[in-house]
């Protein structure tokens, strides 16, 4: 599984290629699709990491609450 830093780097490169692109419509469309896909992928990975952290915190809170 790719890490977030590499995906963000690829996203940055794709956005710069899109900005510099003066090609035909299909090329521009494909670059737009690529940037959207990479953005979704990075957002998904960060969201799953945040959810995992939240679940861990809630679990700890439940354990400490039940022992009181």
Protein backbone atom coordinates (compact mmCIF):
# COMPACT_ATOMS: atom_id res chain seq x y z
CA UNK A 1 0.00 0.00 0.00
CA UNK A 2 1.35 3.41 -0.94
CA UNK A 3 2.05 5.92 1.76
CA UNK A 4 0.46 9.34 1.87
CA UNK A 5 3.64 11.30 1.16
CA UNK A 6 4.28 9.50 -2.12
CA UNK A 7 0.66 9.91 -3.19
CA UNK A 8 0.76 13.61 -2.42
CA UNK A 9 3.96 13.92 -4.45
CA UNK A 10 2.32 12.16 -7.40
CA UNK A 11 -0.72 14.40 -7.02
CA UNK A 12 1.47 17.50 -7.07
CA UNK A 13 3.23 16.28 -10.22
CA UNK A 14 -0.07 15.47 -11.93
CA UNK A 15 -1.48 18.91 -11.09
CA UNK A 16 1.60 20.61 -12.53
CA UNK A 17 1.33 18.52 -15.71
CA UNK A 18 -2.33 19.47 -15.96
CA UNK A 19 -1.51 23.16 -15.60
CA UNK A 20 1.19 22.92 -18.26
CA UNK A 21 -0.89 20.75 -20.57
CA UNK A 22 -2.05 22.35 -23.77
CA UNK A 23 -2.86 19.07 -25.47
CA UNK A 24 -6.07 17.72 -26.82
CA UNK A 25 -9.26 17.30 -24.81
CA UNK A 26 -8.73 13.61 -24.06
CA UNK A 27 -5.31 14.25 -22.56
CA UNK A 28 -6.67 17.03 -20.34
CA UNK A 29 -9.63 14.87 -19.32
CA UNK A 30 -7.36 11.98 -18.39
CA UNK A 31 -5.12 14.25 -16.32
CA UNK A 32 -8.16 15.63 -14.49
CA UNK A 33 -9.33 12.10 -13.76
CA UNK A 34 -5.88 11.20 -12.48
CA UNK A 35 -5.72 14.17 -10.13
CA UNK A 36 -9.20 13.46 -8.75
CA UNK A 37 -8.37 9.79 -8.25
CA UNK A 38 -5.12 10.56 -6.45
CA UNK A 39 -6.84 13.15 -4.26
CA UNK A 40 -9.55 10.65 -3.29
CA UNK A 41 -6.95 8.02 -2.51
CA UNK A 42 -4.93 10.31 -0.23
CA UNK A 43 -8.08 11.52 1.52
CA UNK A 44 -9.23 7.94 2.06
CA UNK A 45 -5.93 6.90 3.61
CA UNK A 46 -5.81 9.90 5.94
CA UNK A 47 -9.44 9.38 6.93
CA UNK A 48 -8.88 5.72 7.78
CA UNK A 49 -5.86 6.67 9.90
CA UNK A 50 -7.90 9.27 11.78
CA UNK A 51 -10.76 6.82 12.33
CA UNK A 52 -8.33 4.22 13.67
CA UNK A 53 -6.97 6.76 16.15
CA UNK A 54 -10.46 7.74 17.25
CA UNK A 55 -11.47 4.12 17.75
CA UNK A 56 -8.39 3.52 19.88
CA UNK A 57 -9.16 6.52 22.06
CA UNK A 58 -12.78 5.49 22.54
CA UNK A 59 -11.78 1.97 23.44
CA UNK A 60 -9.35 3.25 26.07
CA UNK A 61 -12.02 5.52 27.50
CA UNK A 62 -14.46 2.61 27.79
CA UNK A 63 -11.91 0.44 29.54
CA UNK A 64 -10.99 3.15 32.04
CA UNK A 65 -14.68 3.94 32.65
CA UNK A 66 -15.60 0.34 33.38
CA UNK A 67 -12.77 -0.14 35.89
CA UNK A 68 -13.85 2.86 38.03
